[in-house]
N, C-alpha and C. Protein backbone atom coordinates (compact mmCIF):
# COMPACT_ATOMS: atom_id res chain seq x y z
N MET A 1 0.94 -1.10 -0.07
CA MET A 1 -0.04 0.04 0.05
C MET A 1 0.99 1.34 -0.11
N GLY A 2 2.18 1.17 0.70
CA GLY A 2 2.88 2.42 0.64
C GLY A 2 3.59 2.55 -0.77
N ASP A 3 3.73 1.58 -1.55
CA ASP A 3 4.27 1.86 -2.88
C ASP A 3 3.04 2.56 -3.75
N LEU A 4 1.86 2.23 -3.54
CA LEU A 4 0.72 2.99 -4.07
C LEU A 4 0.67 4.35 -3.91
N LEU A 5 0.78 4.39 -2.67
CA LEU A 5 0.60 6.00 -2.10
C LEU A 5 2.01 6.60 -2.53
N SER A 6 3.24 6.11 -2.47
CA SER A 6 4.10 6.97 -3.20
C SER A 6 4.28 7.11 -4.75
N ILE A 7 3.58 6.30 -5.35
CA ILE A 7 3.27 6.45 -6.73
C ILE A 7 2.42 7.66 -6.99
N ALA A 8 1.18 7.69 -6.07
CA ALA A 8 0.26 8.52 -6.07
C ALA A 8 0.79 9.97 -5.84
N VAL A 9 1.47 10.15 -4.78
CA VAL A 9 2.12 11.44 -4.44
C VAL A 9 3.04 11.95 -5.25
N GLY A 10 3.91 11.08 -5.83
CA GLY A 10 4.93 11.54 -6.82
C GLY A 10 4.28 11.81 -8.29
N ALA A 11 3.09 11.18 -8.60
CA ALA A 11 2.46 11.67 -9.95
C ALA A 11 1.91 12.96 -9.69
N ILE A 12 1.36 13.31 -8.53
CA ILE A 12 0.45 14.56 -8.35
C ILE A 12 1.51 15.70 -8.13
N LEU A 13 2.52 15.57 -7.38
CA LEU A 13 3.28 16.65 -6.87
C LEU A 13 4.71 16.62 -7.47
N ILE A 14 5.35 15.49 -7.25
CA ILE A 14 6.84 15.52 -7.44
C ILE A 14 7.24 15.48 -8.95
N GLN A 15 6.54 14.49 -9.69
CA GLN A 15 6.70 14.35 -11.12
C GLN A 15 5.59 15.00 -11.89
N ASN A 16 4.75 16.02 -11.42
CA ASN A 16 3.64 16.45 -12.19
C ASN A 16 3.90 16.48 -13.51
N ILE A 17 3.09 15.92 -14.45
CA ILE A 17 3.03 15.66 -15.76
C ILE A 17 3.18 17.11 -16.49
N VAL A 18 2.56 18.10 -16.06
CA VAL A 18 2.48 19.37 -16.76
C VAL A 18 3.99 20.12 -16.25
N LEU A 19 4.07 20.35 -14.99
CA LEU A 19 5.27 21.11 -14.45
C LEU A 19 6.53 20.67 -14.40
N THR A 20 6.53 19.30 -14.40
CA THR A 20 7.99 18.77 -14.41
C THR A 20 8.35 17.96 -15.68
N ARG A 21 7.24 17.54 -16.19
CA ARG A 21 7.51 16.64 -17.53
C ARG A 21 7.36 17.37 -18.65
N PHE A 22 6.42 18.51 -18.60
CA PHE A 22 6.18 19.59 -19.66
C PHE A 22 5.42 18.79 -20.62
N LEU A 23 4.45 17.97 -20.18
CA LEU A 23 3.42 17.50 -21.39
C LEU A 23 2.25 18.00 -21.00
N GLY A 24 1.40 18.19 -21.99
CA GLY A 24 0.03 18.55 -22.00
C GLY A 24 0.09 20.23 -21.73
N LEU A 25 0.87 20.71 -22.47
CA LEU A 25 0.96 22.27 -22.07
C LEU A 25 -0.07 23.12 -23.12
N CYS A 26 -0.48 22.39 -24.19
CA CYS A 26 -1.55 23.17 -25.10
C CYS A 26 -2.79 23.41 -24.23
N PRO A 27 -3.43 22.15 -23.70
CA PRO A 27 -4.59 22.48 -22.86
C PRO A 27 -4.54 23.33 -21.69
N PHE A 28 -3.24 23.22 -21.14
CA PHE A 28 -2.83 23.84 -19.83
C PHE A 28 -2.88 25.44 -20.23
N PHE A 29 -2.39 25.84 -21.28
CA PHE A 29 -2.47 27.21 -21.63
C PHE A 29 -3.87 27.66 -22.13
N GLY A 30 -4.42 26.87 -23.03
CA GLY A 30 -5.61 27.11 -23.68
C GLY A 30 -6.76 27.13 -22.83
N VAL A 31 -6.81 26.34 -22.09
CA VAL A 31 -8.04 26.18 -21.14
C VAL A 31 -7.91 26.77 -19.79
N SER A 32 -6.91 27.20 -19.35
CA SER A 32 -6.64 27.64 -17.91
C SER A 32 -7.07 29.19 -17.87
N THR A 33 -7.84 29.71 -18.57
CA THR A 33 -8.39 31.06 -18.37
C THR A 33 -9.64 31.06 -17.36
N LYS A 34 -10.44 30.07 -17.14
CA LYS A 34 -11.72 30.33 -16.10
C LYS A 34 -11.52 29.01 -15.29
N ARG A 35 -11.76 29.28 -14.09
CA ARG A 35 -11.73 28.00 -13.21
C ARG A 35 -12.75 26.96 -13.49
N GLY A 36 -13.89 27.37 -14.00
CA GLY A 36 -15.06 26.26 -14.49
C GLY A 36 -14.50 25.58 -15.66
N ASN A 37 -13.94 26.02 -16.55
CA ASN A 37 -13.57 25.52 -17.69
C ASN A 37 -12.36 24.57 -17.47
N ALA A 38 -11.40 25.05 -16.67
CA ALA A 38 -10.32 24.11 -16.14
C ALA A 38 -10.65 22.98 -15.40
N LEU A 39 -11.53 23.18 -14.45
CA LEU A 39 -12.21 22.10 -13.74
C LEU A 39 -12.95 21.04 -14.69
N ALA A 40 -13.56 21.51 -15.53
CA ALA A 40 -14.28 20.51 -16.46
C ALA A 40 -13.31 19.72 -17.22
N MET A 41 -12.29 20.59 -17.69
CA MET A 41 -11.23 19.99 -18.64
C MET A 41 -10.40 18.99 -17.79
N GLY A 42 -10.16 19.36 -16.51
CA GLY A 42 -9.30 18.47 -15.62
C GLY A 42 -10.09 17.12 -15.50
N LEU A 43 -11.44 17.20 -15.03
CA LEU A 43 -12.26 16.03 -14.87
C LEU A 43 -12.26 15.32 -16.12
N ALA A 44 -12.41 15.70 -17.23
CA ALA A 44 -12.24 14.95 -18.55
C ALA A 44 -10.96 14.15 -18.73
N VAL A 45 -9.97 15.16 -18.38
CA VAL A 45 -8.58 14.42 -18.82
C VAL A 45 -8.50 13.40 -17.70
N LEU A 46 -8.86 13.68 -16.26
CA LEU A 46 -8.84 12.37 -15.31
C LEU A 46 -9.53 11.13 -15.63
N PHE A 47 -10.68 11.32 -16.16
CA PHE A 47 -11.42 10.25 -16.67
C PHE A 47 -10.69 9.48 -17.67
N VAL A 48 -10.05 10.11 -18.86
CA VAL A 48 -9.46 9.51 -19.75
C VAL A 48 -8.27 8.96 -19.44
N MET A 49 -7.42 9.62 -18.57
CA MET A 49 -6.15 9.18 -18.01
C MET A 49 -6.41 7.76 -17.35
N THR A 50 -7.32 7.78 -16.48
CA THR A 50 -7.59 6.67 -15.44
C THR A 50 -8.08 5.62 -16.19
N SER A 51 -8.91 5.67 -16.96
CA SER A 51 -9.62 4.68 -18.03
C SER A 51 -8.62 4.15 -19.09
N SER A 52 -7.85 5.17 -19.68
CA SER A 52 -6.86 4.47 -20.65
C SER A 52 -5.70 3.83 -19.94
N SER A 53 -5.52 4.20 -18.92
CA SER A 53 -4.22 3.44 -18.11
C SER A 53 -4.69 2.25 -17.75
N ILE A 54 -5.87 1.72 -17.39
CA ILE A 54 -6.54 0.62 -17.15
C ILE A 54 -6.41 -0.37 -18.41
N LEU A 55 -6.91 0.10 -19.42
CA LEU A 55 -7.21 -0.66 -20.72
C LEU A 55 -6.04 -0.88 -21.37
N THR A 56 -5.23 0.22 -21.56
CA THR A 56 -3.84 0.09 -22.19
C THR A 56 -2.93 -0.86 -21.46
N SER A 57 -2.98 -0.87 -20.02
CA SER A 57 -2.16 -1.93 -19.42
C SER A 57 -2.72 -3.16 -19.60
N LEU A 58 -3.95 -3.51 -19.47
CA LEU A 58 -4.50 -4.91 -19.75
C LEU A 58 -4.06 -5.24 -21.28
N ILE A 59 -4.33 -4.31 -22.23
CA ILE A 59 -4.01 -4.68 -23.73
C ILE A 59 -2.52 -5.03 -23.93
N TYR A 60 -1.55 -4.15 -23.00
CA TYR A 60 -0.16 -4.49 -23.33
C TYR A 60 0.32 -5.78 -22.42
N LEU A 61 -0.27 -5.85 -21.37
CA LEU A 61 0.23 -7.21 -20.64
C LEU A 61 -0.42 -8.60 -20.97
N TYR A 62 -1.55 -8.51 -21.68
CA TYR A 62 -2.31 -9.62 -21.97
C TYR A 62 -2.67 -9.77 -23.47
N ILE A 63 -2.29 -8.98 -24.22
CA ILE A 63 -2.36 -9.16 -25.80
C ILE A 63 -0.97 -8.88 -26.33
N LEU A 64 -0.47 -7.64 -26.24
CA LEU A 64 0.63 -7.03 -27.16
C LEU A 64 1.96 -8.12 -26.77
N ILE A 65 2.11 -8.26 -25.32
CA ILE A 65 3.25 -8.85 -24.82
C ILE A 65 3.31 -10.43 -25.33
N PRO A 66 2.06 -11.11 -24.94
CA PRO A 66 2.22 -12.59 -25.41
C PRO A 66 2.16 -12.64 -26.90
N LEU A 67 1.63 -11.77 -27.53
CA LEU A 67 1.86 -11.97 -29.14
C LEU A 67 3.08 -11.49 -29.67
N GLY A 68 3.92 -10.78 -28.83
CA GLY A 68 5.15 -10.28 -29.32
C GLY A 68 5.12 -9.33 -30.19
N ILE A 69 4.05 -8.31 -29.96
CA ILE A 69 3.79 -7.24 -30.84
C ILE A 69 3.82 -5.91 -30.14
N GLN A 70 4.79 -5.70 -29.12
CA GLN A 70 4.76 -4.62 -28.31
C GLN A 70 4.92 -3.21 -29.24
N TYR A 71 5.59 -3.39 -30.32
CA TYR A 71 6.02 -2.25 -31.14
C TYR A 71 4.61 -1.60 -31.69
N MET A 72 3.40 -2.11 -31.55
CA MET A 72 2.03 -1.87 -32.00
C MET A 72 1.39 -0.80 -30.77
N ARG A 73 2.24 -0.60 -29.55
CA ARG A 73 1.52 -0.15 -28.54
C ARG A 73 1.23 1.37 -28.64
N ILE A 74 1.93 2.01 -29.39
CA ILE A 74 1.51 3.51 -29.78
C ILE A 74 0.15 3.56 -30.39
N VAL A 75 -0.09 2.88 -31.58
CA VAL A 75 -1.09 2.61 -32.35
C VAL A 75 -2.31 2.27 -31.41
N VAL A 76 -2.11 1.24 -30.96
CA VAL A 76 -3.13 0.77 -30.17
C VAL A 76 -3.64 1.60 -28.91
N PHE A 77 -2.56 2.33 -28.22
CA PHE A 77 -2.74 3.30 -27.04
C PHE A 77 -3.65 4.45 -27.66
N ILE A 78 -3.07 4.93 -28.93
CA ILE A 78 -3.96 6.22 -29.23
C ILE A 78 -5.41 5.78 -29.55
N LEU A 79 -5.71 4.49 -30.29
CA LEU A 79 -7.10 4.12 -30.47
C LEU A 79 -7.80 3.87 -29.16
N VAL A 80 -7.16 3.43 -28.12
CA VAL A 80 -7.96 3.35 -26.67
C VAL A 80 -8.27 4.79 -26.35
N ILE A 81 -7.26 5.66 -26.15
CA ILE A 81 -7.44 6.95 -25.83
C ILE A 81 -8.51 7.67 -26.81
N ALA A 82 -8.62 7.53 -28.14
CA ALA A 82 -9.55 8.28 -28.95
C ALA A 82 -10.79 7.86 -28.51
N ALA A 83 -11.03 6.31 -28.18
CA ALA A 83 -12.35 6.04 -28.00
C ALA A 83 -12.90 6.51 -26.56
N PHE A 84 -12.04 6.73 -25.63
CA PHE A 84 -12.54 7.29 -24.49
C PHE A 84 -12.71 8.85 -24.60
N VAL A 85 -12.04 9.28 -25.23
CA VAL A 85 -12.35 10.89 -25.62
C VAL A 85 -13.57 11.06 -26.32
N GLN A 86 -14.00 10.33 -27.22
CA GLN A 86 -15.24 10.26 -28.01
C GLN A 86 -16.39 10.11 -26.94
N PHE A 87 -16.30 9.27 -26.08
CA PHE A 87 -17.15 8.97 -25.31
C PHE A 87 -17.44 10.26 -24.19
N VAL A 88 -16.30 10.78 -23.55
CA VAL A 88 -16.41 12.05 -22.88
C VAL A 88 -17.04 13.16 -23.60
N GLU A 89 -16.64 13.34 -24.97
CA GLU A 89 -17.16 14.36 -25.74
C GLU A 89 -18.60 14.42 -25.92
N MET A 90 -19.09 13.12 -26.17
CA MET A 90 -20.51 12.89 -26.44
C MET A 90 -21.25 13.21 -25.17
N LEU A 91 -20.68 12.80 -24.07
CA LEU A 91 -21.22 12.82 -22.64
C LEU A 91 -21.40 14.48 -22.35
N ILE A 92 -20.21 15.08 -22.62
CA ILE A 92 -20.35 16.67 -22.22
C ILE A 92 -21.22 17.36 -23.13
N ARG A 93 -21.30 16.94 -24.37
CA ARG A 93 -22.32 17.64 -25.33
C ARG A 93 -23.54 17.38 -24.86
N LYS A 94 -24.07 16.20 -24.44
CA LYS A 94 -25.30 15.84 -24.04
C LYS A 94 -25.70 16.41 -22.77
N LEU A 95 -24.81 16.61 -21.77
CA LEU A 95 -25.14 17.25 -20.59
C LEU A 95 -25.04 18.77 -20.50
N SER A 96 -24.02 19.38 -21.21
CA SER A 96 -24.01 20.82 -21.23
C SER A 96 -23.59 21.29 -22.41
N GLU A 97 -24.22 21.69 -23.21
CA GLU A 97 -23.91 22.20 -24.69
C GLU A 97 -22.96 23.54 -24.45
N ALA A 98 -23.30 24.45 -23.33
CA ALA A 98 -22.51 25.63 -23.09
C ALA A 98 -20.96 25.18 -22.68
N LEU A 99 -20.89 24.40 -21.97
CA LEU A 99 -19.72 23.87 -21.48
C LEU A 99 -18.98 23.19 -22.66
N TYR A 100 -19.38 22.45 -23.53
CA TYR A 100 -19.03 21.68 -24.56
C TYR A 100 -18.35 22.86 -25.73
N ARG A 101 -19.15 24.02 -25.79
CA ARG A 101 -18.71 25.11 -26.56
C ARG A 101 -17.43 25.79 -26.18
N ALA A 102 -17.47 25.97 -24.59
CA ALA A 102 -16.41 26.53 -23.91
C ALA A 102 -15.08 25.85 -23.96
N LEU A 103 -15.17 24.49 -23.98
CA LEU A 103 -13.89 23.73 -24.01
C LEU A 103 -13.47 23.96 -25.74
N GLY A 104 -14.46 23.91 -26.52
CA GLY A 104 -13.98 23.95 -27.91
C GLY A 104 -13.30 22.89 -28.38
N ILE A 105 -12.15 23.29 -29.11
CA ILE A 105 -11.17 22.37 -29.70
C ILE A 105 -10.33 21.67 -28.87
N TYR A 106 -10.21 22.09 -27.48
CA TYR A 106 -9.28 21.34 -26.72
C TYR A 106 -9.90 19.98 -26.16
N LEU A 107 -11.30 20.06 -26.14
CA LEU A 107 -11.85 18.55 -25.69
C LEU A 107 -11.39 17.54 -26.71
N PRO A 108 -11.58 17.75 -28.09
CA PRO A 108 -11.29 16.56 -28.81
C PRO A 108 -9.68 16.25 -29.14
N LEU A 109 -9.07 17.52 -28.75
CA LEU A 109 -7.37 17.53 -28.64
C LEU A 109 -7.05 16.55 -27.63
N ILE A 110 -8.00 16.17 -26.48
CA ILE A 110 -7.34 15.23 -25.44
C ILE A 110 -6.73 14.11 -26.35
N THR A 111 -7.37 13.66 -27.14
CA THR A 111 -6.70 12.36 -27.93
C THR A 111 -5.51 12.58 -28.33
N THR A 112 -5.02 13.73 -28.78
CA THR A 112 -3.55 13.87 -28.94
C THR A 112 -2.78 14.68 -28.00
N ASN A 113 -3.37 14.69 -26.79
CA ASN A 113 -2.73 15.52 -25.76
C ASN A 113 -1.62 14.49 -25.38
N CYS A 114 -0.52 14.93 -25.51
CA CYS A 114 0.79 14.16 -25.13
C CYS A 114 0.88 13.58 -23.64
N ALA A 115 0.18 14.31 -22.87
CA ALA A 115 0.36 13.74 -21.49
C ALA A 115 -0.49 12.50 -21.13
N VAL A 116 -1.56 12.44 -21.97
CA VAL A 116 -2.42 11.16 -21.79
C VAL A 116 -1.78 10.04 -22.61
N LEU A 117 -1.02 10.15 -23.58
CA LEU A 117 -0.42 9.18 -24.16
C LEU A 117 1.06 8.82 -23.30
N GLY A 118 1.49 9.98 -22.75
CA GLY A 118 2.85 9.95 -22.15
C GLY A 118 2.51 8.99 -20.76
N VAL A 119 1.30 8.98 -20.17
CA VAL A 119 1.12 8.33 -18.99
C VAL A 119 0.98 6.69 -19.36
N ALA A 120 0.42 6.59 -20.48
CA ALA A 120 0.34 5.02 -20.94
C ALA A 120 1.62 4.56 -21.24
N LEU A 121 2.46 5.33 -21.94
CA LEU A 121 3.81 4.88 -22.27
C LEU A 121 4.80 4.89 -20.90
N ILE A 122 4.60 5.71 -20.01
CA ILE A 122 5.27 5.94 -18.76
C ILE A 122 4.97 4.36 -17.90
N ASN A 123 3.59 4.28 -18.00
CA ASN A 123 3.36 2.85 -17.16
C ASN A 123 3.84 1.57 -17.73
N THR A 124 3.92 1.56 -19.06
CA THR A 124 4.37 0.22 -19.86
C THR A 124 6.03 0.38 -19.91
N ASP A 125 6.35 1.38 -20.52
CA ASP A 125 7.90 1.36 -20.82
C ASP A 125 8.76 1.85 -19.95
N VAL A 126 8.40 3.09 -19.24
CA VAL A 126 9.47 3.52 -18.23
C VAL A 126 9.32 2.88 -16.97
N GLU A 127 8.13 2.71 -16.46
CA GLU A 127 8.11 2.13 -14.98
C GLU A 127 7.62 0.58 -15.06
N GLY A 128 7.19 0.13 -16.09
CA GLY A 128 6.90 -1.22 -16.27
C GLY A 128 5.76 -1.67 -15.23
N TYR A 129 4.92 -0.92 -14.92
CA TYR A 129 3.87 -1.08 -13.73
C TYR A 129 2.85 -2.12 -14.14
N PRO A 130 2.65 -2.99 -13.29
CA PRO A 130 1.57 -3.97 -13.28
C PRO A 130 0.22 -3.22 -13.58
N LEU A 131 -1.20 -3.77 -13.55
CA LEU A 131 -2.20 -3.23 -13.72
C LEU A 131 -2.47 -2.15 -12.36
N LEU A 132 -2.54 -2.48 -11.10
CA LEU A 132 -2.96 -1.71 -10.10
C LEU A 132 -2.08 -0.64 -9.91
N PRO A 133 -0.69 -0.67 -9.99
CA PRO A 133 0.14 0.64 -9.95
C PRO A 133 -0.18 1.49 -11.40
N ALA A 134 -0.18 0.86 -12.32
CA ALA A 134 -0.59 1.79 -13.59
C ALA A 134 -1.92 2.43 -13.44
N THR A 135 -2.85 1.86 -12.69
CA THR A 135 -4.30 2.71 -12.57
C THR A 135 -3.94 3.71 -11.48
N VAL A 136 -3.23 3.43 -10.54
CA VAL A 136 -2.98 4.42 -9.52
C VAL A 136 -2.36 5.64 -10.05
N ASN A 137 -1.20 5.28 -10.94
CA ASN A 137 -0.55 6.22 -11.74
C ASN A 137 -1.23 7.01 -12.61
N GLY A 138 -2.14 6.65 -13.41
CA GLY A 138 -3.01 7.38 -14.32
C GLY A 138 -3.84 8.17 -13.65
N MET A 139 -4.73 7.63 -12.57
CA MET A 139 -5.57 8.50 -11.64
C MET A 139 -4.80 9.58 -11.05
N ALA A 140 -3.66 9.39 -10.71
CA ALA A 140 -2.88 10.52 -9.87
C ALA A 140 -2.22 11.59 -10.89
N THR A 141 -1.98 11.04 -12.00
CA THR A 141 -1.39 11.97 -13.05
C THR A 141 -2.59 12.81 -13.62
N GLY A 142 -3.72 12.17 -13.68
CA GLY A 142 -4.89 13.13 -13.92
C GLY A 142 -5.25 14.01 -13.03
N ILE A 143 -5.32 13.56 -11.71
CA ILE A 143 -5.34 14.50 -10.47
C ILE A 143 -4.52 15.75 -10.58
N GLY A 144 -2.98 15.37 -10.74
CA GLY A 144 -1.91 16.39 -10.93
C GLY A 144 -2.36 17.25 -11.97
N PHE A 145 -2.77 16.69 -13.01
CA PHE A 145 -3.04 17.58 -14.20
C PHE A 145 -4.14 18.70 -13.86
N MET A 146 -5.20 18.10 -13.25
CA MET A 146 -6.44 19.13 -12.87
C MET A 146 -5.87 20.02 -11.90
N LEU A 147 -5.09 19.44 -11.02
CA LEU A 147 -4.87 20.46 -9.85
C LEU A 147 -3.83 21.88 -10.42
N VAL A 148 -3.26 21.41 -11.30
CA VAL A 148 -2.36 22.48 -11.97
C VAL A 148 -3.02 23.39 -12.93
N LEU A 149 -3.92 22.60 -13.59
CA LEU A 149 -4.86 23.55 -14.61
C LEU A 149 -5.74 24.31 -13.72
N PHE A 150 -6.31 24.00 -12.72
CA PHE A 150 -7.16 24.96 -11.88
C PHE A 150 -6.52 25.84 -11.13
N LEU A 151 -5.25 25.45 -10.41
CA LEU A 151 -4.40 26.69 -10.01
C LEU A 151 -4.10 27.78 -10.99
N MET A 152 -3.68 27.29 -12.24
CA MET A 152 -3.31 28.36 -13.18
C MET A 152 -4.47 29.26 -13.59
N ALA A 153 -5.96 28.60 -13.66
CA ALA A 153 -6.77 29.34 -13.92
C ALA A 153 -7.21 30.31 -12.90
N ALA A 154 -7.10 29.83 -11.65
CA ALA A 154 -7.37 30.81 -10.52
C ALA A 154 -6.33 31.81 -10.61
N ILE A 155 -5.15 31.66 -10.71
CA ILE A 155 -4.36 32.70 -10.73
C ILE A 155 -4.46 33.60 -11.90
N ARG A 156 -4.72 33.15 -13.18
CA ARG A 156 -4.94 33.90 -14.37
C ARG A 156 -6.21 34.69 -14.37
N GLU A 157 -7.18 34.30 -13.45
CA GLU A 157 -8.40 35.11 -13.15
C GLU A 157 -7.99 36.40 -12.49
N ARG A 158 -7.18 36.19 -11.49
CA ARG A 158 -6.63 37.23 -10.77
C ARG A 158 -5.99 38.02 -11.40
N LEU A 159 -5.01 37.58 -12.27
CA LEU A 159 -4.17 38.55 -13.03
C LEU A 159 -5.06 39.51 -14.15
N GLU A 160 -6.17 38.90 -14.51
CA GLU A 160 -6.98 39.64 -15.45
C GLU A 160 -7.25 41.22 -14.71
N LEU A 161 -7.48 41.10 -13.30
CA LEU A 161 -7.66 42.21 -12.61
C LEU A 161 -6.51 43.11 -12.34
N ALA A 162 -5.33 42.59 -12.63
CA ALA A 162 -4.09 43.43 -12.37
C ALA A 162 -3.65 44.55 -13.37
N ASP A 163 -3.19 45.31 -12.87
CA ASP A 163 -2.70 46.38 -13.67
C ASP A 163 -1.30 46.11 -14.34
N LEU A 164 -1.19 45.32 -15.34
CA LEU A 164 0.05 44.68 -15.95
C LEU A 164 0.50 45.54 -16.98
N PRO A 165 1.87 45.64 -17.30
CA PRO A 165 2.26 46.32 -18.59
C PRO A 165 1.83 45.51 -19.83
N ARG A 166 1.54 46.22 -20.90
CA ARG A 166 0.92 45.72 -22.03
C ARG A 166 1.73 44.55 -22.49
N ALA A 167 2.89 44.52 -22.32
CA ALA A 167 3.92 43.50 -23.21
C ALA A 167 3.68 42.23 -22.14
N PHE A 168 3.08 42.28 -20.86
CA PHE A 168 3.00 41.10 -20.21
C PHE A 168 1.44 40.58 -20.12
N GLN A 169 0.62 41.27 -20.88
CA GLN A 169 -0.92 40.81 -20.66
C GLN A 169 -0.86 39.68 -21.59
N GLY A 170 -1.86 38.75 -21.07
CA GLY A 170 -2.22 37.57 -21.87
C GLY A 170 -1.22 36.40 -21.80
N LEU A 171 -0.71 35.84 -22.71
CA LEU A 171 0.17 34.65 -22.80
C LEU A 171 1.46 34.90 -22.03
N PRO A 172 2.08 36.14 -22.17
CA PRO A 172 3.32 36.32 -21.61
C PRO A 172 3.31 36.06 -20.11
N ILE A 173 2.39 36.68 -19.39
CA ILE A 173 2.10 36.53 -17.94
C ILE A 173 1.85 35.16 -17.71
N ALA A 174 1.16 34.55 -18.51
CA ALA A 174 0.61 33.07 -18.25
C ALA A 174 2.03 32.07 -18.30
N PHE A 175 3.02 32.56 -19.38
CA PHE A 175 4.17 31.71 -19.17
C PHE A 175 5.10 31.99 -17.99
N VAL A 176 4.95 33.06 -17.70
CA VAL A 176 5.83 33.64 -16.27
C VAL A 176 5.24 32.91 -15.12
N THR A 177 3.98 33.06 -15.00
CA THR A 177 3.25 32.11 -14.00
C THR A 177 3.42 30.78 -13.88
N ALA A 178 3.52 30.24 -15.24
CA ALA A 178 3.89 28.71 -15.40
C ALA A 178 5.14 28.42 -14.80
N ALA A 179 6.16 29.19 -15.08
CA ALA A 179 7.43 28.97 -14.65
C ALA A 179 7.50 28.95 -13.16
N LEU A 180 6.85 30.20 -12.45
CA LEU A 180 6.95 30.07 -11.20
C LEU A 180 6.02 28.86 -10.45
N LEU A 181 4.98 28.43 -11.11
CA LEU A 181 4.42 27.32 -10.63
C LEU A 181 5.50 26.00 -10.69
N ALA A 182 6.03 25.94 -11.74
CA ALA A 182 6.91 24.96 -11.95
C ALA A 182 7.96 24.76 -10.86
N LEU A 183 8.62 26.08 -10.50
CA LEU A 183 9.48 26.24 -9.53
C LEU A 183 9.06 25.86 -8.26
N ALA A 184 7.82 26.17 -7.91
CA ALA A 184 7.22 25.86 -6.71
C ALA A 184 7.13 24.31 -6.62
N PHE A 185 6.58 23.74 -7.44
CA PHE A 185 6.35 22.27 -7.48
C PHE A 185 7.51 21.54 -7.48
N GLN A 186 8.94 22.17 -7.73
CA GLN A 186 10.23 21.65 -7.55
C GLN A 186 10.44 21.46 -6.12
N ALA A 187 9.93 22.17 -5.27
CA ALA A 187 10.12 22.07 -4.06
C ALA A 187 9.76 20.65 -3.14
N PHE A 188 8.49 19.87 -4.04
CA PHE A 188 8.25 18.96 -3.67
C PHE A 188 9.14 17.58 -3.98
N SER A 189 10.28 17.88 -4.62
CA SER A 189 11.16 16.91 -5.38
C SER A 189 11.94 16.33 -3.94
N GLY A 190 11.92 17.14 -3.01
CA GLY A 190 12.84 16.75 -1.84
C GLY A 190 11.96 15.85 -0.93
N MET A 191 10.73 15.58 -1.06
CA MET A 191 9.92 14.76 -0.11
C MET A 191 10.42 13.34 -0.27
N ARG A 192 10.18 12.83 1.01
CA ARG A 192 10.69 11.42 1.07
C ARG A 192 9.24 10.85 1.80
N LEU A 193 8.90 9.61 1.33
CA LEU A 193 7.68 9.02 1.70
C LEU A 193 8.02 7.64 2.63
């Protein structure tokens, strides 16, 4: 159980997918303007990361390895991720048309979000996790993604009210803020579990 806890804390804080591995930056900067949109996108990514971590691990461990076709993992992983994204997209469109429009192009782009594919590859290639640790890593990475997306949106909402020089308005101050968040999250790298 301690190993699972260390995997979870590591994925959320120490090796945050956005702030330390720099994956998933497109939705991080694109959707982090409003807290509501950031939370919705974070939940969608959390669902896709967790679900795809489970299914890609099962497929990798019980189909690709026994058949000796591990080289097909990226194609198979993208197909699994795309299926989950389609499901989430249809669900959000059905439940809230306004939210669907607010998330815009970033919702279908979860399919090509390198953070989601990165988690599947980290689970299989880098860490070699079995099913349960892979699931915990996928869920914790999704939580970490949602956390930094929400933090960034909260900060950017406050920055809209700030009297900034024109050169810093918009994306420039977002990049500075992201760099400061990444530095802050580096403080967690000294944690021992």
